[in-house]
Protein backbone atom coordinates (compact mmCIF):
# COMPACT_ATOMS: atom_id res chain seq x y z
CA MET A 1 -12.38 10.22 39.52
CA SER A 2 -12.53 14.01 39.38
CA SER A 3 -14.09 15.90 36.50
CA ALA A 4 -11.91 17.21 33.67
CA THR A 5 -11.99 20.71 35.07
CA SER A 6 -11.83 19.99 38.80
CA ALA A 7 -8.75 21.33 40.58
CA ALA A 8 -9.04 19.05 43.60
CA ALA A 9 -8.18 15.38 43.63
CA ALA A 10 -10.89 12.74 43.96
CA PRO A 11 -11.65 11.38 47.50
CA ASP A 12 -9.89 8.06 46.81
CA THR A 13 -6.79 9.51 45.18
CA VAL A 14 -3.22 8.42 45.77
CA LEU A 15 -0.75 11.26 45.27
CA VAL A 16 2.63 10.32 43.79
CA VAL A 17 5.17 12.94 44.84
CA ASP A 18 7.82 13.26 42.13
CA PHE A 19 11.36 13.86 43.39
CA GLY A 20 12.83 13.83 39.90
CA ALA A 21 12.43 10.10 39.37
CA GLN A 22 12.52 8.57 35.93
CA TYR A 23 9.77 6.23 37.14
CA ALA A 24 7.20 8.67 38.61
CA GLN A 25 4.73 8.09 35.77
CA LEU A 26 5.27 4.36 36.06
CA ILE A 27 4.41 4.45 39.76
CA ALA A 28 1.16 6.25 38.97
CA ARG A 29 0.35 3.67 36.30
CA ARG A 30 1.06 0.77 38.65
CA VAL A 31 -1.31 2.26 41.23
CA ARG A 32 -4.01 2.53 38.57
CA GLU A 33 -3.36 -1.06 37.51
CA ALA A 34 -4.38 -1.88 41.08
CA ARG A 35 -7.68 -0.08 40.26
CA VAL A 36 -6.92 2.87 42.52
CA TYR A 37 -6.81 6.38 41.07
CA SER A 38 -3.49 8.28 41.25
CA GLU A 39 -2.10 11.68 40.37
CA ILE A 40 1.47 13.00 40.18
CA VAL A 41 2.44 16.17 42.05
CA PRO A 42 5.85 17.88 42.17
CA SER A 43 8.01 17.66 45.30
CA THR A 44 7.96 21.47 45.41
CA MET A 45 4.25 21.46 46.26
CA PRO A 46 3.81 22.53 49.92
CA VAL A 47 2.53 19.81 52.22
CA GLU A 48 -0.58 21.83 53.06
CA GLU A 49 -1.50 21.87 49.36
CA MET A 50 -1.01 18.12 49.10
CA LEU A 51 -3.21 17.54 52.14
CA ALA A 52 -5.81 19.99 50.79
CA LYS A 53 -6.37 17.50 47.95
CA ASN A 54 -7.65 15.08 50.60
CA PRO A 55 -5.46 12.16 49.42
CA ALA A 56 -6.28 8.65 50.59
CA ALA A 57 -2.56 7.84 50.53
CA ILE A 58 0.75 9.34 49.39
CA ILE A 59 3.70 7.70 47.64
CA LEU A 60 7.14 9.32 47.65
CA SER A 61 9.06 8.50 44.47
CA GLY A 62 12.74 7.86 43.93
CA GLY A 63 15.12 10.53 42.71
CA PRO A 64 18.73 11.17 41.70
CA SER A 65 19.76 13.28 44.72
CA SER A 66 21.30 12.44 48.08
CA VAL A 67 19.02 13.38 50.99
CA TYR A 68 21.84 15.03 52.93
CA GLU A 69 23.12 17.18 50.02
CA GLU A 70 22.58 20.92 50.21
CA GLY A 71 19.64 21.89 48.02
CA ALA A 72 18.34 18.34 47.65
CA PRO A 73 14.54 17.96 47.40
CA THR A 74 12.99 17.42 50.79
CA VAL A 75 9.62 17.05 52.44
CA ASP A 76 8.13 18.62 55.54
CA ARG A 77 7.94 16.26 58.55
CA ALA A 78 4.31 17.35 58.85
CA LEU A 79 3.47 15.05 55.97
CA PHE A 80 4.25 12.03 58.15
CA GLU A 81 2.24 13.41 61.07
CA ALA A 82 -0.96 14.12 59.16
CA GLY A 83 -2.44 10.65 59.56
CA VAL A 84 -2.31 9.93 55.82
CA PRO A 85 -0.74 6.57 54.86
CA VAL A 86 2.65 7.14 53.18
CA PHE A 87 4.86 4.77 51.17
CA GLY A 88 8.44 5.81 50.39
CA MET A 89 10.38 4.27 47.49
CA CYS A 90 14.18 4.58 47.19
CA TYR A 91 14.86 8.33 47.66
CA GLY A 92 11.39 8.70 49.19
CA PHE A 93 12.25 5.89 51.61
CA GLN A 94 15.45 7.68 52.64
CA LEU A 95 13.61 11.00 53.06
CA MET A 96 11.14 9.35 55.41
CA ALA A 97 13.93 7.71 57.39
CA GLN A 98 15.87 10.98 57.74
CA ALA A 99 12.82 13.11 58.60
CA LEU A 100 11.71 10.76 61.37
CA GLY A 101 15.11 10.31 63.04
CA GLY A 102 16.62 7.37 61.17
CA THR A 103 20.14 7.33 59.77
CA VAL A 104 20.93 7.78 56.08
CA ASP A 105 24.48 8.16 54.85
CA ASN A 106 26.95 7.11 52.22
CA THR A 107 28.07 3.78 53.61
CA GLY A 108 29.67 2.63 50.39
CA ALA A 109 26.84 0.11 50.05
CA ARG A 110 26.01 0.90 46.44
CA GLU A 111 23.49 -1.34 44.69
CA TYR A 112 22.37 -1.06 41.07
CA GLY A 113 20.20 -3.45 39.09
CA ARG A 114 18.86 -6.82 40.22
CA THR A 115 19.52 -7.48 43.89
CA ALA A 116 18.53 -10.32 46.22
CA LEU A 117 16.19 -9.11 48.98
CA ALA A 118 15.87 -11.09 52.22
CA VAL A 119 12.47 -10.66 53.91
CA SER A 120 12.86 -10.93 57.69
CA ARG A 121 9.17 -10.44 58.54
CA PRO A 122 7.21 -12.60 56.05
CA SER A 123 3.88 -11.82 57.76
CA SER A 124 4.33 -8.04 57.61
CA THR A 125 1.87 -5.70 55.93
CA LEU A 126 4.06 -5.27 52.84
CA PHE A 127 5.48 -8.76 52.41
CA GLU A 128 2.83 -11.26 53.53
CA GLY A 129 2.43 -13.94 50.88
CA THR A 130 5.69 -13.12 49.10
CA PRO A 131 8.86 -15.26 49.15
CA ALA A 132 11.45 -14.93 51.90
CA GLU A 133 13.99 -14.22 49.16
CA GLN A 134 13.04 -12.23 46.08
CA SER A 135 14.72 -10.28 43.31
CA VAL A 136 14.30 -6.51 43.41
CA TRP A 137 15.60 -3.57 41.37
CA MET A 138 17.98 -1.30 43.25
CA SER A 139 19.45 2.05 42.21
CA HIS A 140 21.12 3.81 45.11
CA GLY A 141 24.46 4.96 46.46
CA ASP A 142 23.28 6.04 49.92
CA ALA A 143 21.66 3.67 52.41
CA CYS A 144 19.56 3.66 55.56
CA SER A 145 21.63 2.07 58.31
CA ALA A 146 19.17 2.64 61.16
CA ALA A 147 15.37 2.80 61.03
CA PRO A 148 13.45 5.56 62.85
CA GLU A 149 12.05 4.81 66.28
CA GLY A 150 8.78 2.88 66.14
CA PHE A 151 9.57 1.26 62.78
CA THR A 152 10.15 -2.45 62.26
CA VAL A 153 12.77 -3.53 59.74
CA SER A 154 11.12 -6.08 57.44
CA ALA A 155 13.78 -6.70 54.76
CA SER A 156 17.51 -6.35 54.08
CA THR A 157 20.17 -7.19 51.50
CA ASP A 158 23.70 -8.47 51.83
CA VAL A 159 25.03 -4.92 52.08
CA VAL A 160 22.06 -2.86 53.33
CA PRO A 161 20.69 -3.71 56.79
CA VAL A 162 17.50 -1.64 56.32
CA ALA A 163 16.00 -2.30 52.88
CA ALA A 164 12.39 -1.99 54.08
CA PHE A 165 10.65 -0.76 57.21
CA GLU A 166 7.07 -0.51 58.42
CA ASN A 167 5.07 1.32 61.08
CA ASP A 168 1.51 -0.02 61.11
CA ASP A 169 0.37 2.30 63.91
CA LYS A 170 1.19 5.41 61.86
CA LYS A 171 0.60 3.71 58.47
CA LEU A 172 4.08 4.64 57.26
CA TYR A 173 6.02 2.25 55.02
CA GLY A 174 9.15 2.31 52.89
CA VAL A 175 11.42 0.21 50.70
CA GLN A 176 14.90 1.00 49.39
CA TYR A 177 14.19 -0.54 45.99
CA HIS A 178 11.82 0.20 43.07
CA PRO A 179 8.72 -2.02 43.37
CA GLU A 180 7.15 -0.29 40.36
CA VAL A 181 9.53 -1.78 37.78
CA MET A 182 8.96 -5.24 36.34
CA HIS A 183 12.45 -6.37 37.44
CA SER A 184 11.18 -6.35 41.04
CA THR A 185 9.48 -9.74 40.80
CA HIS A 186 6.89 -9.17 43.53
CA GLY A 187 6.85 -5.38 43.35
CA GLN A 188 3.23 -5.01 42.25
CA GLN A 189 2.11 -7.30 45.06
CA VAL A 190 4.05 -5.22 47.61
CA LEU A 191 2.56 -2.00 46.21
CA GLU A 192 -0.95 -3.46 46.36
CA HIS A 193 -0.32 -4.57 49.95
CA PHE A 194 0.40 -0.96 50.83
CA LEU A 195 -2.71 0.26 49.01
CA TYR A 196 -5.14 -2.38 50.27
CA ARG A 197 -3.72 -3.37 53.66
CA GLY A 198 -1.62 -0.40 54.73
CA ALA A 199 -3.87 2.38 53.43
CA GLY A 200 -7.13 0.40 53.54
CA LEU A 201 -8.16 1.34 49.99
CA THR A 202 -10.69 -0.56 47.89
CA PRO A 203 -9.91 -1.30 44.21
CA THR A 204 -12.93 0.39 42.61
CA TRP A 205 -11.48 2.70 39.92
CA THR A 206 -12.56 1.32 36.53
CA THR A 207 -13.09 2.46 32.96
CA GLY A 208 -16.81 2.38 33.70
CA ASN A 209 -16.25 5.00 36.41
CA VAL A 210 -14.27 7.14 33.98
CA ILE A 211 -16.99 7.08 31.34
CA GLU A 212 -19.86 7.78 33.74
CA GLU A 213 -18.14 10.64 35.52
CA GLN A 214 -16.79 12.26 32.36
CA VAL A 215 -20.18 12.08 30.63
CA GLU A 216 -21.75 13.86 33.59
CA ALA A 217 -18.98 16.47 33.72
CA ILE A 218 -19.14 17.16 29.96
CA ARG A 219 -22.92 17.59 30.01
CA GLU A 220 -22.63 20.03 32.89
CA GLN A 221 -19.82 21.97 31.16
CA VAL A 222 -21.39 22.23 27.70
CA GLY A 223 -25.07 22.60 28.50
CA THR A 224 -26.98 23.26 25.28
CA LYS A 225 -24.04 24.78 23.40
CA ARG A 226 -22.01 23.05 20.69
CA ALA A 227 -18.50 21.61 20.37
CA ILE A 228 -16.10 20.65 17.58
CA CYS A 229 -13.30 18.11 17.54
CA GLY A 230 -10.28 17.83 15.26
CA LEU A 231 -10.31 14.12 14.49
CA SER A 232 -6.97 12.70 13.39
CA GLY A 233 -7.90 9.03 13.18
CA GLY A 234 -5.60 8.25 16.12
CA VAL A 235 -6.80 6.53 19.26
CA ASP A 236 -6.62 9.63 21.49
CA SER A 237 -8.81 11.94 19.41
CA ALA A 238 -11.13 9.05 18.49
CA VAL A 239 -11.79 8.05 22.11
CA ALA A 240 -12.15 11.69 23.19
CA ALA A 241 -14.69 12.28 20.42
CA ALA A 242 -16.60 9.09 21.24
CA LEU A 243 -16.79 10.05 24.91
CA VAL A 244 -18.04 13.56 24.16
CA GLN A 245 -20.48 12.16 21.57
CA LYS A 246 -21.91 9.88 24.26
CA ALA A 247 -22.39 12.91 26.49
CA ILE A 248 -23.85 15.53 24.12
CA GLY A 249 -24.77 13.66 20.93
CA SER A 250 -25.53 15.89 17.95
CA GLN A 251 -24.11 18.94 19.71
CA LEU A 252 -20.67 17.67 18.63
CA THR A 253 -19.26 17.94 15.11
CA CYS A 254 -15.96 16.28 14.23
CA VAL A 255 -13.65 17.63 11.54
CA TYR A 256 -11.37 15.24 9.69
CA VAL A 257 -8.79 16.88 7.44
CA ASP A 258 -7.71 14.43 4.74
CA HIS A 259 -4.31 15.85 3.85
CA GLY A 260 -3.30 12.87 1.73
CA LEU A 261 -0.56 11.91 4.18
CA MET A 262 -2.40 9.11 5.96
CA ARG A 263 -1.67 5.40 5.70
CA LYS A 264 -3.61 3.06 3.44
CA GLY A 265 -7.25 2.64 4.44
CA GLU A 266 -7.17 5.00 7.41
CA THR A 267 -9.32 7.75 5.92
CA GLU A 268 -11.97 5.19 4.97
CA GLN A 269 -11.73 3.76 8.48
CA VAL A 270 -12.55 7.12 10.01
CA GLU A 271 -15.32 7.91 7.52
CA LYS A 272 -17.07 4.55 7.86
CA ASP A 273 -16.11 2.53 10.92
CA PHE A 274 -15.82 5.41 13.40
CA VAL A 275 -19.05 7.05 12.31
CA ALA A 276 -20.86 3.69 12.34
CA ALA A 277 -19.64 2.95 15.88
CA THR A 278 -20.42 6.37 17.37
CA GLY A 279 -23.03 8.06 15.18
CA VAL A 280 -20.96 11.24 15.30
CA GLN A 281 -21.51 14.09 12.83
CA LEU A 282 -18.37 14.14 10.70
CA LYS A 283 -17.18 16.86 8.36
CA VAL A 284 -14.48 15.53 6.00
CA VAL A 285 -12.29 18.06 4.21
CA ASP A 286 -10.44 16.78 1.14
CA ALA A 287 -7.24 18.85 1.15
CA GLU A 288 -4.72 16.50 -0.50
CA ASP A 289 -3.98 18.79 -3.46
CA ARG A 290 -3.55 21.76 -1.17
CA PHE A 291 -1.00 20.01 1.04
CA LEU A 292 0.97 18.48 -1.82
CA THR A 293 1.17 21.84 -3.57
CA ALA A 294 2.48 23.47 -0.40
CA LEU A 295 5.06 20.68 0.08
CA LYS A 296 6.33 20.74 -3.52
CA GLY A 297 10.12 20.97 -3.67
CA VAL A 298 10.59 20.86 0.13
CA SER A 299 12.97 18.26 1.62
CA ASP A 300 13.94 19.77 4.98
CA PRO A 301 12.05 17.84 7.70
CA GLU A 302 11.45 20.83 9.98
CA GLU A 303 10.16 22.89 7.07
CA LYS A 304 7.82 20.06 6.11
CA ARG A 305 6.44 19.95 9.66
CA LYS A 306 5.84 23.71 9.65
CA ILE A 307 4.08 23.62 6.28
CA ILE A 308 1.84 20.74 7.28
CA GLY A 309 0.96 22.45 10.57
CA ARG A 310 0.28 25.78 8.85
CA GLU A 311 -1.96 24.25 6.20
CA PHE A 312 -3.82 22.23 8.79
CA ILE A 313 -4.57 25.40 10.74
CA ARG A 314 -5.95 27.12 7.66
CA VAL A 315 -8.13 24.19 6.64
CA PHE A 316 -9.39 23.71 10.19
CA GLU A 317 -10.19 27.41 10.53
CA GLN A 318 -12.21 27.28 7.33
CA ALA A 319 -14.07 24.19 8.49
CA GLN A 320 -14.86 25.58 11.92
CA ALA A 321 -16.07 28.84 10.37
CA GLU A 322 -18.52 26.85 8.25
CA ILE A 323 -19.69 24.90 11.32
CA ILE A 324 -20.16 28.11 13.29
CA ALA A 325 -22.14 29.65 10.42
CA GLU A 326 -24.39 26.59 10.26
CA ALA A 327 -24.79 26.58 14.03
CA GLY A 328 -25.74 30.26 14.00
CA GLU A 329 -28.98 29.36 12.29
CA SER A 330 -29.95 27.16 15.24
CA GLY A 331 -29.02 29.82 17.77
CA GLU A 332 -26.58 27.65 19.75
CA PRO A 333 -22.97 28.89 19.56
CA VAL A 334 -19.92 26.69 19.12
CA GLU A 335 -17.90 27.42 22.25
CA PHE A 336 -15.98 24.23 22.96
CA LEU A 337 -13.11 22.34 21.36
CA VAL A 338 -12.47 18.68 22.16
CA GLN A 339 -8.85 17.54 22.42
CA GLY A 340 -7.37 14.13 23.16
CA THR A 341 -4.84 15.39 25.70
CA LEU A 342 -3.49 12.55 27.86
CA TYR A 343 -2.12 12.60 31.41
CA PRO A 344 1.55 12.32 30.29
CA ASP A 345 0.99 15.48 28.19
CA VAL A 346 -0.26 17.27 31.30
CA VAL A 347 2.58 16.06 33.51
CA GLU A 348 5.33 16.82 30.98
CA SER A 349 3.99 20.33 30.33
CA GLY A 350 3.98 21.13 34.03
CA GLY A 351 0.25 20.82 34.58
CA GLY A 352 -2.14 23.51 33.42
CA THR A 353 -5.77 24.28 33.92
CA GLY A 354 -7.06 23.22 30.53
CA THR A 355 -9.15 26.33 29.89
CA ALA A 356 -8.72 29.74 28.25
CA ASN A 357 -7.46 30.15 24.68
CA ILE A 358 -6.23 27.20 22.63
CA LYS A 359 -2.47 26.73 22.36
CA SER A 360 -0.66 24.58 19.84
CA HIS A 361 -1.30 20.94 20.53
CA HIS A 362 -0.24 17.74 18.81
CA ASN A 363 -3.75 16.29 18.74
CA VAL A 364 -5.10 18.93 16.36
CA GLY A 365 -1.95 19.83 14.50
CA GLY A 366 -1.33 23.13 16.29
CA LEU A 367 -4.17 25.62 16.48
CA PRO A 368 -3.69 29.40 16.46
CA GLU A 369 -3.73 31.20 19.80
CA ASP A 370 -6.57 33.52 18.80
CA LEU A 371 -9.08 30.70 18.37
CA GLU A 372 -11.10 31.29 21.52
CA PHE A 373 -12.74 28.09 22.66
CA GLN A 374 -13.05 26.43 26.02
CA LEU A 375 -11.33 23.05 26.09
CA ILE A 376 -12.99 19.72 26.71
CA GLU A 377 -10.23 17.25 27.56
CA PRO A 378 -11.95 14.12 28.85
CA LEU A 379 -8.77 12.02 28.72
CA ARG A 380 -6.40 14.39 30.49
CA LYS A 381 -6.29 12.13 33.56
CA LEU A 382 -5.57 8.93 31.63
CA PHE A 383 -2.55 7.02 30.36
CA LYS A 384 -2.53 5.53 26.85
CA ASP A 385 -3.42 2.00 27.98
CA GLU A 386 -6.37 3.39 29.96
CA VAL A 387 -7.54 5.33 26.89
CA ARG A 388 -7.58 2.10 24.91
CA MET A 389 -9.69 0.42 27.61
CA VAL A 390 -12.17 3.31 27.56
CA GLY A 391 -12.34 3.03 23.78
CA GLN A 392 -13.13 -0.68 24.03
CA GLU A 393 -15.81 0.04 26.63
CA LEU A 394 -17.36 2.61 24.27
CA GLY A 395 -17.52 0.04 21.48
CA LEU A 396 -14.96 1.55 19.10
CA PRO A 397 -13.55 -0.79 16.43
CA GLU A 398 -10.47 -2.77 17.43
CA GLU A 399 -8.58 -1.26 14.47
CA ILE A 400 -8.98 2.22 15.97
CA VAL A 401 -8.54 1.32 19.64
CA GLN A 402 -5.31 -0.64 19.05
CA ARG A 403 -3.93 1.68 16.38
CA GLN A 404 -0.22 2.31 16.75
CA PRO A 405 0.95 5.86 17.50
CA PHE A 406 1.22 7.87 14.30
CA PRO A 407 2.82 11.32 13.87
CA GLY A 408 0.58 14.33 13.24
CA PRO A 409 2.36 15.19 9.95
CA GLY A 410 1.67 11.62 8.83
CA LEU A 411 3.72 10.02 6.07
CA GLY A 412 5.11 13.45 5.21
CA ILE A 413 7.89 12.91 7.76
CA ARG A 414 8.41 9.25 6.88
CA ILE A 415 9.65 10.24 3.44
CA VAL A 416 13.27 11.36 3.64
CA GLY A 417 13.21 13.87 0.82
CA GLU A 418 10.53 15.72 -1.13
CA VAL A 419 6.93 14.59 -0.61
CA THR A 420 5.10 13.72 -3.83
CA LYS A 421 1.93 11.81 -4.66
CA GLU A 422 3.96 9.01 -6.26
CA ARG A 423 6.24 8.64 -3.25
CA LEU A 424 3.30 8.68 -0.85
CA ASP A 425 1.55 5.93 -2.80
CA LEU A 426 4.76 3.87 -2.81
CA LEU A 427 5.25 4.28 0.94
CA ARG A 428 1.58 3.57 1.64
CA GLU A 429 1.87 0.18 -0.06
CA ALA A 430 5.09 -0.74 1.76
CA ASP A 431 3.61 0.34 5.10
CA ALA A 432 0.42 -1.65 4.48
CA ILE A 433 2.44 -4.80 3.77
CA ALA A 434 4.45 -4.41 6.99
CA ARG A 435 1.28 -3.89 9.03
CA GLU A 436 -0.48 -6.84 7.41
CA GLU A 437 2.39 -9.22 8.16
CA LEU A 438 2.84 -8.01 11.75
CA THR A 439 -0.87 -8.53 12.33
CA ALA A 440 -0.80 -11.98 10.70
CA ALA A 441 2.10 -12.95 12.98
CA GLY A 442 0.20 -11.78 16.08
CA LEU A 443 2.81 -9.14 16.88
CA ASP A 444 0.64 -6.01 17.03
CA ARG A 445 0.60 -5.98 20.84
CA GLU A 446 4.28 -6.89 21.09
CA ILE A 447 5.58 -3.64 19.62
CA TRP A 448 4.87 0.00 20.36
CA GLN A 449 4.90 0.95 16.69
CA CYS A 450 6.70 0.19 13.45
CA PRO A 451 7.41 3.27 11.34
CA VAL A 452 8.13 2.41 7.70
CA VAL A 453 10.46 4.97 6.13
CA LEU A 454 11.12 5.71 2.46
CA LEU A 455 14.62 6.97 1.68
CA ALA A 456 13.42 8.93 -1.33
CA ASP A 457 16.70 10.79 -1.84
CA VAL A 458 18.73 7.57 -1.75
CA ARG A 459 19.07 5.03 -4.55
CA SER A 460 20.59 1.57 -4.26
CA VAL A 461 21.64 -0.96 -6.89
CA GLY A 462 19.65 -4.16 -7.10
CA VAL A 463 18.86 -7.11 -9.38
CA GLN A 464 15.23 -7.80 -10.22
CA GLY A 465 13.95 -9.88 -13.17
CA ASP A 466 17.50 -10.65 -14.34
CA GLY A 467 18.15 -6.96 -14.76
CA ARG A 468 19.97 -4.24 -12.87
CA THR A 469 17.72 -1.86 -10.92
CA TYR A 470 18.32 1.44 -9.22
CA GLY A 471 15.59 1.73 -6.60
CA HIS A 472 14.76 3.17 -3.20
CA PRO A 473 15.52 1.53 0.15
CA ILE A 474 12.69 1.04 2.66
CA VAL A 475 13.54 1.14 6.38
CA LEU A 476 11.63 -0.87 8.99
CA ARG A 477 11.73 0.69 12.47
CA PRO A 478 9.95 -1.64 14.94
CA VAL A 479 10.28 -0.34 18.51
CA SER A 480 9.11 -1.32 21.98
CA SER A 481 8.26 1.31 24.57
CA GLU A 482 5.87 2.17 27.37
CA ASP A 483 5.65 5.92 26.89
CA ALA A 484 7.84 6.81 23.87
CA MET A 485 10.24 8.74 26.13
CA THR A 486 12.70 5.88 25.70
CA ALA A 487 12.48 2.93 23.31
CA ASP A 488 14.35 -0.14 22.18
CA TRP A 489 14.23 -1.80 18.79
CA SER A 490 11.95 -4.84 18.73
CA ARG A 491 13.57 -8.22 18.08
CA LEU A 492 11.09 -9.46 15.48
CA PRO A 493 11.35 -13.08 14.26
CA TYR A 494 13.57 -13.44 11.21
CA ASP A 495 10.90 -15.26 9.24
CA VAL A 496 8.49 -12.34 9.71
CA LEU A 497 11.13 -9.82 8.68
CA GLY A 498 11.98 -11.99 5.67
CA LYS A 499 8.35 -12.20 4.58
CA ILE A 500 7.90 -8.42 4.88
CA SER A 501 11.07 -7.81 2.86
CA THR A 502 10.14 -10.29 0.14
CA ARG A 503 6.64 -8.88 -0.26
CA ILE A 504 7.78 -5.26 -0.36
CA THR A 505 10.49 -5.85 -2.96
CA ASN A 506 8.14 -8.00 -5.03
CA GLU A 507 4.99 -5.91 -4.78
CA VAL A 508 6.10 -2.29 -4.43
CA ARG A 509 7.51 -0.64 -7.53
CA ASP A 510 10.85 1.19 -7.37
CA VAL A 511 11.88 -0.55 -4.12
CA ASN A 512 14.74 -3.04 -4.30
CA ARG A 513 16.06 -3.08 -0.75
CA VAL A 514 14.57 -3.37 2.79
CA VAL A 515 16.72 -2.55 5.82
CA LEU A 516 16.15 -2.83 9.58
CA ASP A 517 16.84 0.04 12.02
CA VAL A 518 18.32 -1.42 15.23
CA THR A 519 18.93 1.85 17.08
CA SER A 520 17.51 2.46 20.56
CA LYS A 521 16.14 5.80 21.83
CA PRO A 522 18.40 7.42 22.87
CA PRO A 523 20.53 7.98 20.85
CA GLY A 524 18.10 7.77 17.93
CA THR A 525 14.53 9.06 17.83
CA ILE A 526 11.59 6.81 16.95
CA GLU A 527 10.79 8.75 13.78
CA TRP A 528 13.54 9.52 11.27
CA GLU A 529 12.45 13.13 10.72
């Protein structure tokens, strides 16, 4: 794996060329699940730049365009003549076919969703060891009706004569379907066949490699200087801090701003468990009164976000000024800021070099542009599941490593209405009950997260203790997702939902109703505000 600041790809890197596919990140993740490192590059990148990265193999993603449309993304034929193994998927498959003399057109053979694939060459590089008939996920309107010269057709469907082709001499392969999605029953096996057999790669990329190489890169980058990290309590900033701590030890100081908007027990978890596991120097700033005063009387969600971000900046600036003053006595300046930026952040922002002045970033609540630090982003090449594995390898507590995603503004945006100490305490208790019961039922790994929302500006009639009540509703929002770009509501067992509801209405004052949000994303967002 390359260092955090290296511009070139690592020697054993697979480049995933993104042609506008909704699954480009998933392809990269599937390659990494095969223990081979991968990076995503845009289809607009010139072929010479791709080859300059010295890739061990290249995968061409799917995409929404038709290869013969004017202005459709394309690829230079030189890519297929460079001697680098290439695997085309869906649109990438059609691009390869067209560029090398095959025939792609609108034959009317449209296929969407689960499709039966017939493997005609069961001993081929891609399909050896897989069934002669298998279910795959199709999503195409155009089709390849004739393979390029030198290619062997290895699979078809009822309506598409060329659903896969292979050229072992030139190490070029392609399939019309999406092997990266779970609906393609043997898709991962086919992808691994390309990586191991077609491209000749060895599965050696591990979390141990990540830790070793990042520790070396961080030590080289920082030298004897000092760094600070805005610790949120979330898995990303925690793992980033632990990794940097392993590299430079006492040269790192973490700042944890306790704004009073965290969930029950999380501040104590950071102060005790994280410090015990890493030995990091931690500066805790108690700013609850400051944040609650600033939020007084504010109900608009966007205004709440702005206030929380603004106050965080001010508190962080004060804390870092104190750290710099203390460091000045030792003679070693504080020149680096650690951030838990992940690879999806990099891809979705269009890349970036990760140096120069700090811009607003979700991991530290949005820092001002005139804070001049160099960035240390040891996780910027990793997906969330890989970050969790690194955290486990570093010995972080399970409660931190497996922590569900949590918004930067905390419970402040899970209260629909004004944020007050009383409402925060109420929501904290309801949230803690939901988390306890999900954990007891063994469902923590089954859901992406479960926001618990207090409808503070809504009252509902209820009956408790033989009397009429007028309390707040609590909303449960369990969702399943891989990357939070899209999500579906989680179908939790009724008995678990019933237990959560009973406990909340019995144990949390001023709550007499629990409701379940069954909206997917889109159209709804995961958070309510």
